[in-house]
Amino acid sequence: MASSNTSTISARERARAANAARLAEEQERLKKVEDDLVRFFKAQESREKIADDARVRIERIREETDTKLADADRSGAAAIADLKSRGETVASIAQLTGLTTTEVNKLLRSTKPKQKSEKAPADKTASKEDSSPAPASTSSTDPAALAS
């Protein structure tokens, strides 16, 4: 009986040893899985930070670009206004620049927004005074009205 008892103990020890080896391998595999997941999540965090930094830089570049474009637009509009102040007509400015007359007029208007806002209250009262009597006194047969 001692031999069956010994073989039972020996079998149990072998089973435990095999199970311990399997568990050790499983623990090692789980440790590697955990390490891989840690690397993955760190990479995701890094990716998000890179994307956020890029969005901030892109927004800054867009703001700088908008400022530079607005400066260039103001400079071009001022040049058009200077041409006009030197006696060029809207049509001649359009021909010289390759713009349409509508674009030239728009640029000319863009150079005078402060003057309009300062004169707006006076213009409104003047236009009210002019608008009510003017239509009654102006006839369609008036040659000056037809010419303008």
Protein backbone atom coordinates (compact mmCIF):
# COMPACT_ATOMS: atom_id res chain seq x y z
CA MET A 1 0.00 0.00 0.00
CA ALA A 2 2.84 2.30 0.57
CA SER A 3 3.57 2.25 -3.11
CA SER A 4 -0.02 3.28 -4.07
CA ASN A 5 0.12 5.99 -1.45
CA THR A 6 3.47 7.11 -2.82
CA SER A 7 2.23 7.03 -6.38
CA THR A 8 -0.90 8.96 -5.35
CA ILE A 9 1.24 11.61 -3.72
CA SER A 10 3.57 11.58 -6.64
CA ALA A 11 0.63 11.98 -9.07
CA ARG A 12 -0.82 14.78 -6.95
CA GLU A 13 2.55 16.53 -6.85
CA ARG A 14 2.92 16.12 -10.58
CA ALA A 15 -0.59 17.52 -11.13
CA ARG A 16 0.13 20.43 -8.83
CA ALA A 17 3.44 21.08 -10.55
CA ALA A 18 1.80 20.95 -13.98
CA ASN A 19 -1.01 23.21 -12.81
CA ALA A 20 1.49 25.62 -11.22
CA ALA A 21 3.48 25.71 -14.48
CA ARG A 22 0.27 26.34 -16.45
CA LEU A 23 -0.76 29.08 -14.01
CA ALA A 24 2.71 30.63 -14.19
CA GLU A 25 2.50 30.66 -17.99
CA GLU A 26 -1.02 32.16 -17.81
CA GLN A 27 0.19 34.82 -15.37
CA GLU A 28 3.10 35.62 -17.66
CA ARG A 29 0.72 35.87 -20.63
CA LEU A 30 -1.66 38.12 -18.64
CA LYS A 31 1.29 40.30 -17.60
CA LYS A 32 2.29 40.67 -21.26
CA VAL A 33 -1.33 41.48 -22.21
CA GLU A 34 -1.43 44.12 -19.47
CA ASP A 35 1.89 45.60 -20.69
CA ASP A 36 0.55 45.70 -24.26
CA LEU A 37 -2.64 47.40 -23.13
CA VAL A 38 -0.67 49.97 -21.12
CA ARG A 39 1.42 50.75 -24.23
CA PHE A 40 -1.75 51.00 -26.32
CA PHE A 41 -3.50 53.41 -23.95
CA LYS A 42 -0.36 55.53 -23.61
CA ALA A 43 -0.16 55.70 -27.40
CA GLN A 44 -3.84 56.75 -27.53
CA GLU A 45 -3.20 59.50 -24.96
CA SER A 46 -0.17 60.64 -26.93
CA ARG A 47 -2.21 60.63 -30.14
CA GLU A 48 -4.95 62.76 -28.56
CA LYS A 49 -2.38 65.23 -27.23
CA ILE A 50 -0.72 65.47 -30.65
CA ALA A 51 -4.10 66.04 -32.32
CA ASP A 52 -5.06 68.69 -29.75
CA ASP A 53 -1.72 70.47 -30.19
CA ALA A 54 -2.19 70.38 -33.96
CA ARG A 55 -5.70 71.86 -33.65
CA VAL A 56 -4.33 74.71 -31.52
CA ARG A 57 -1.50 75.39 -33.99
CA ILE A 58 -3.89 75.23 -36.96
CA GLU A 59 -6.27 77.68 -35.28
CA ARG A 60 -3.37 80.06 -34.56
CA ILE A 61 -2.21 79.80 -38.19
CA ARG A 62 -5.77 80.46 -39.41
CA GLU A 63 -6.04 83.54 -37.20
CA GLU A 64 -2.67 84.84 -38.41
CA THR A 65 -3.66 84.13 -42.01
CA ASP A 66 -7.00 85.91 -41.58
CA THR A 67 -5.19 88.92 -40.14
CA LYS A 68 -2.67 89.00 -42.99
CA LEU A 69 -5.41 88.57 -45.60
CA ALA A 70 -7.45 91.38 -44.03
CA ASP A 71 -4.35 93.61 -44.05
CA ALA A 72 -3.74 92.80 -47.73
CA ASP A 73 -7.42 93.47 -48.54
CA ARG A 74 -7.28 96.83 -46.74
CA SER A 75 -4.08 97.74 -48.57
CA GLY A 76 -5.61 96.82 -51.94
CA ALA A 77 -8.79 98.75 -51.16
CA ALA A 78 -6.72 101.77 -50.14
CA ALA A 79 -4.83 101.58 -53.44
CA ILE A 80 -8.16 101.52 -55.31
CA ALA A 81 -9.35 104.51 -53.26
CA ASP A 82 -6.12 106.34 -54.12
CA LEU A 83 -6.71 105.67 -57.83
CA LYS A 84 -10.22 107.04 -57.49
CA SER A 85 -9.02 110.12 -55.58
CA ARG A 86 -6.55 110.83 -58.42
CA GLY A 87 -9.43 111.10 -60.87
CA GLU A 88 -9.71 107.59 -62.24
CA THR A 89 -13.26 106.43 -62.91
CA VAL A 90 -14.66 103.21 -61.56
CA ALA A 91 -14.76 101.84 -65.11
CA SER A 92 -11.11 102.74 -65.76
CA ILE A 93 -10.04 101.26 -62.42
CA ALA A 94 -11.91 98.09 -63.29
CA GLN A 95 -10.19 97.93 -66.66
CA LEU A 96 -6.75 98.59 -65.17
CA THR A 97 -7.10 96.05 -62.36
CA GLY A 98 -9.11 93.35 -64.08
CA LEU A 99 -11.87 93.68 -61.50
CA THR A 100 -15.53 94.23 -62.24
CA THR A 101 -17.05 97.62 -61.53
CA THR A 102 -19.07 95.97 -58.77
CA GLU A 103 -15.87 94.73 -57.13
CA VAL A 104 -14.25 98.16 -57.47
CA ASN A 105 -17.28 99.82 -55.87
CA LYS A 106 -17.26 97.27 -53.07
CA LEU A 107 -13.59 97.99 -52.39
CA LEU A 108 -14.22 101.72 -52.43
CA ARG A 109 -17.07 101.31 -49.93
CA SER A 110 -14.87 99.18 -47.70
CA THR A 111 -12.45 102.07 -47.25
CA LYS A 112 -15.14 104.34 -45.77
CA PRO A 113 -16.98 102.39 -43.00
CA LYS A 114 -15.96 104.81 -40.21
CA GLN A 115 -17.17 107.84 -42.13
CA LYS A 116 -20.55 106.22 -42.76
CA SER A 117 -21.05 105.28 -39.11
CA GLU A 118 -20.16 108.79 -37.96
CA LYS A 119 -22.48 110.39 -40.50
CA ALA A 120 -25.26 107.83 -40.14
CA PRO A 121 -27.44 109.84 -37.73
CA ALA A 122 -27.14 113.01 -39.85
CA ASP A 123 -27.72 111.05 -43.06
CA LYS A 124 -30.84 109.43 -41.65
CA THR A 125 -32.41 112.78 -40.76
CA ALA A 126 -31.38 114.26 -44.10
CA SER A 127 -32.76 111.28 -45.98
CA LYS A 128 -36.07 111.55 -44.11
CA GLU A 129 -36.32 115.23 -45.00
CA ASP A 130 -35.31 114.56 -48.61
CA SER A 131 -37.43 111.47 -49.10
CA SER A 132 -40.85 112.89 -48.30
CA PRO A 133 -40.92 116.07 -50.46
CA ALA A 134 -38.59 114.82 -53.22
CA PRO A 135 -40.86 112.22 -54.82
CA ALA A 136 -43.72 114.70 -55.00
CA SER A 137 -41.61 117.44 -56.61
CA THR A 138 -39.68 115.19 -59.03
CA SER A 139 -41.55 114.26 -62.15
CA SER A 140 -40.67 111.59 -64.68
CA THR A 141 -40.47 114.22 -67.41
CA ASP A 142 -37.65 116.12 -65.65
CA PRO A 143 -34.57 115.70 -67.93
CA ALA A 144 -32.14 116.00 -64.99
CA ALA A 145 -33.90 113.16 -63.18
CA LEU A 146 -33.86 111.01 -66.30
CA ALA A 147 -30.15 111.67 -66.88
CA SER A 148 -29.14 110.52 -63.41
